[in-house]
Amino acid sequence: MPQKSPGPSVKDPKQYEALRKKGESKEKAARIANTSRRSASKKGGKAGSYEDWSKEDLRKRAAEIGIEGRSKMSKGELVKALRNH
């Protein structure tokens, strides 16, 4: 059965499909496939480490991304969930 196209909003369909085969979520695969390698290397490292964020800021970020169960997570669990999303 042929795979369904990710749609016109995905800039790099090959990268998207490779990420999906590795088990990444549709959202994460699309986000990565839509980030150009040039802009990703320029943007990296400016946000700071999640360990430096307050627990409340981590919760707010988790809410923006849509991580479930965040209200019961410890700071360490929030950091891990954000990194693995």
C-alpha atoms as a PDB file:
ATOM      1  CA  MET A   1       0.000   0.000   0.000  1.00  0.00           C
ATOM      2  CA  PRO A   2       1.547   3.356  -1.002  1.00  0.00           C
ATOM      3  CA  GLN A   3       2.202   5.829   1.778  1.00  0.00           C
ATOM      4  CA  LYS A   4       0.014   8.883   1.962  1.00  0.00           C
ATOM      5  CA  SER A   5       1.734  12.147   1.090  1.00  0.00           C
ATOM      6  CA  PRO A   6       2.411  14.375   4.134  1.00  0.00           C
ATOM      7  CA  GLY A   7       0.849  17.283   2.269  1.00  0.00           C
ATOM      8  CA  PRO A   8       2.051  20.455   0.601  1.00  0.00           C
ATOM      9  CA  SER A   9       3.012  22.132   3.885  1.00  0.00           C
ATOM     10  CA  VAL A  10       5.982  19.781   4.406  1.00  0.00           C
ATOM     11  CA  LYS A  11       9.093  21.259   2.749  1.00  0.00           C
ATOM     12  CA  ASP A  12      11.237  18.101   2.818  1.00  0.00           C
ATOM     13  CA  PRO A  13       9.037  15.005   2.277  1.00  0.00           C
ATOM     14  CA  LYS A  14      12.012  12.592   2.257  1.00  0.00           C
ATOM     15  CA  GLN A  15      13.177  13.782   5.661  1.00  0.00           C
ATOM     16  CA  TYR A  16       9.595  13.683   6.946  1.00  0.00           C
ATOM     17  CA  GLU A  17       9.141  10.051   5.853  1.00  0.00           C
ATOM     18  CA  ALA A  18      12.513   9.045   7.333  1.00  0.00           C
ATOM     19  CA  LEU A  19      11.557  10.577  10.682  1.00  0.00           C
ATOM     20  CA  ARG A  20       8.125   8.898  10.648  1.00  0.00           C
ATOM     21  CA  LYS A  21       9.791   5.516   9.966  1.00  0.00           C
ATOM     22  CA  LYS A  22      12.012   6.134  13.011  1.00  0.00           C
ATOM     23  CA  GLY A  23       8.846   6.547  15.091  1.00  0.00           C
ATOM     24  CA  GLU A  24       8.598  10.322  15.421  1.00  0.00           C
ATOM     25  CA  SER A  25       5.138  11.873  15.694  1.00  0.00           C
ATOM     26  CA  LYS A  26       3.608  13.540  12.651  1.00  0.00           C
ATOM     27  CA  GLU A  27       3.937  16.940  14.307  1.00  0.00           C
ATOM     28  CA  LYS A  28       7.593  16.516  15.238  1.00  0.00           C
ATOM     29  CA  ALA A  29       8.515  15.057  11.836  1.00  0.00           C
ATOM     30  CA  ALA A  30       6.804  17.965  10.051  1.00  0.00           C
ATOM     31  CA  ARG A  31       8.446  20.539  12.329  1.00  0.00           C
ATOM     32  CA  ILE A  32      11.904  19.096  11.666  1.00  0.00           C
ATOM     33  CA  ALA A  33      11.282  18.641   7.925  1.00  0.00           C
ATOM     34  CA  ASN A  34      10.164  22.263   7.658  1.00  0.00           C
ATOM     35  CA  THR A  35      13.270  23.676   9.324  1.00  0.00           C
ATOM     36  CA  SER A  36      16.012  24.443   6.849  1.00  0.00           C
ATOM     37  CA  ARG A  37      19.415  23.205   7.890  1.00  0.00           C
ATOM     38  CA  ARG A  38      20.903  26.680   7.478  1.00  0.00           C
ATOM     39  CA  SER A  39      18.390  28.424   9.747  1.00  0.00           C
ATOM     40  CA  ALA A  40      18.524  25.616  12.316  1.00  0.00           C
ATOM     41  CA  SER A  41      22.268  26.005  12.733  1.00  0.00           C
ATOM     42  CA  LYS A  42      21.953  29.769  13.116  1.00  0.00           C
ATOM     43  CA  LYS A  43      19.162  29.580  15.695  1.00  0.00           C
ATOM     44  CA  GLY A  44      20.590  26.859  17.900  1.00  0.00           C
ATOM     45  CA  GLY A  45      21.784  27.502  21.420  1.00  0.00           C
ATOM     46  CA  LYS A  46      19.949  30.751  22.132  1.00  0.00           C
ATOM     47  CA  ALA A  47      17.060  29.451  24.234  1.00  0.00           C
ATOM     48  CA  GLY A  48      19.142  28.345  27.200  1.00  0.00           C
ATOM     49  CA  SER A  49      18.982  25.082  29.072  1.00  0.00           C
ATOM     50  CA  TYR A  50      15.636  23.788  30.324  1.00  0.00           C
ATOM     51  CA  GLU A  51      17.304  23.183  33.703  1.00  0.00           C
ATOM     52  CA  ASP A  52      17.585  26.969  34.080  1.00  0.00           C
ATOM     53  CA  TRP A  53      13.834  27.475  33.526  1.00  0.00           C
ATOM     54  CA  SER A  54      11.361  27.650  36.385  1.00  0.00           C
ATOM     55  CA  LYS A  55       8.906  24.794  36.787  1.00  0.00           C
ATOM     56  CA  GLU A  56       6.051  27.147  35.896  1.00  0.00           C
ATOM     57  CA  ASP A  57       7.776  28.227  32.667  1.00  0.00           C
ATOM     58  CA  LEU A  58       8.376  24.571  31.786  1.00  0.00           C
ATOM     59  CA  ARG A  59       4.669  23.849  32.382  1.00  0.00           C
ATOM     60  CA  LYS A  60       3.647  26.756  30.158  1.00  0.00           C
ATOM     61  CA  ARG A  61       5.932  25.536  27.363  1.00  0.00           C
ATOM     62  CA  ALA A  62       4.587  21.982  27.740  1.00  0.00           C
ATOM     63  CA  ALA A  63       1.060  23.377  27.449  1.00  0.00           C
ATOM     64  CA  GLU A  64       1.976  25.243  24.252  1.00  0.00           C
ATOM     65  CA  ILE A  65       3.295  22.022  22.737  1.00  0.00           C
ATOM     66  CA  GLY A  66       0.403  19.925  24.027  1.00  0.00           C
ATOM     67  CA  ILE A  67       2.192  17.544  26.381  1.00  0.00           C
ATOM     68  CA  GLU A  68      -0.392  15.640  28.404  1.00  0.00           C
ATOM     69  CA  GLY A  69      -0.044  15.002  32.145  1.00  0.00           C
ATOM     70  CA  ARG A  70       2.164  18.042  32.652  1.00  0.00           C
ATOM     71  CA  SER A  71       0.353  19.238  35.774  1.00  0.00           C
ATOM     72  CA  LYS A  72       1.481  16.154  37.697  1.00  0.00           C
ATOM     73  CA  MET A  73       5.065  16.094  36.366  1.00  0.00           C
ATOM     74  CA  SER A  74       8.127  17.032  38.370  1.00  0.00           C
ATOM     75  CA  LYS A  75      10.576  19.559  36.966  1.00  0.00           C
ATOM     76  CA  GLY A  76      12.850  16.748  35.765  1.00  0.00           C
ATOM     77  CA  GLU A  77       9.964  14.970  34.069  1.00  0.00           C
ATOM     78  CA  LEU A  78       8.925  18.198  32.336  1.00  0.00           C
ATOM     79  CA  VAL A  79      12.467  18.740  31.049  1.00  0.00           C
ATOM     80  CA  LYS A  80      12.606  15.174  29.733  1.00  0.00           C
ATOM     81  CA  ALA A  81       9.161  15.440  28.098  1.00  0.00           C
ATOM     82  CA  LEU A  82      10.081  18.724  26.398  1.00  0.00           C
ATOM     83  CA  ARG A  83      13.362  17.362  25.095  1.00  0.00           C
ATOM     84  CA  ASN A  84      11.738  14.212  23.740  1.00  0.00           C
ATOM     85  CA  HIS A  85       8.739  15.871  22.126  1.00  0.00           C
END
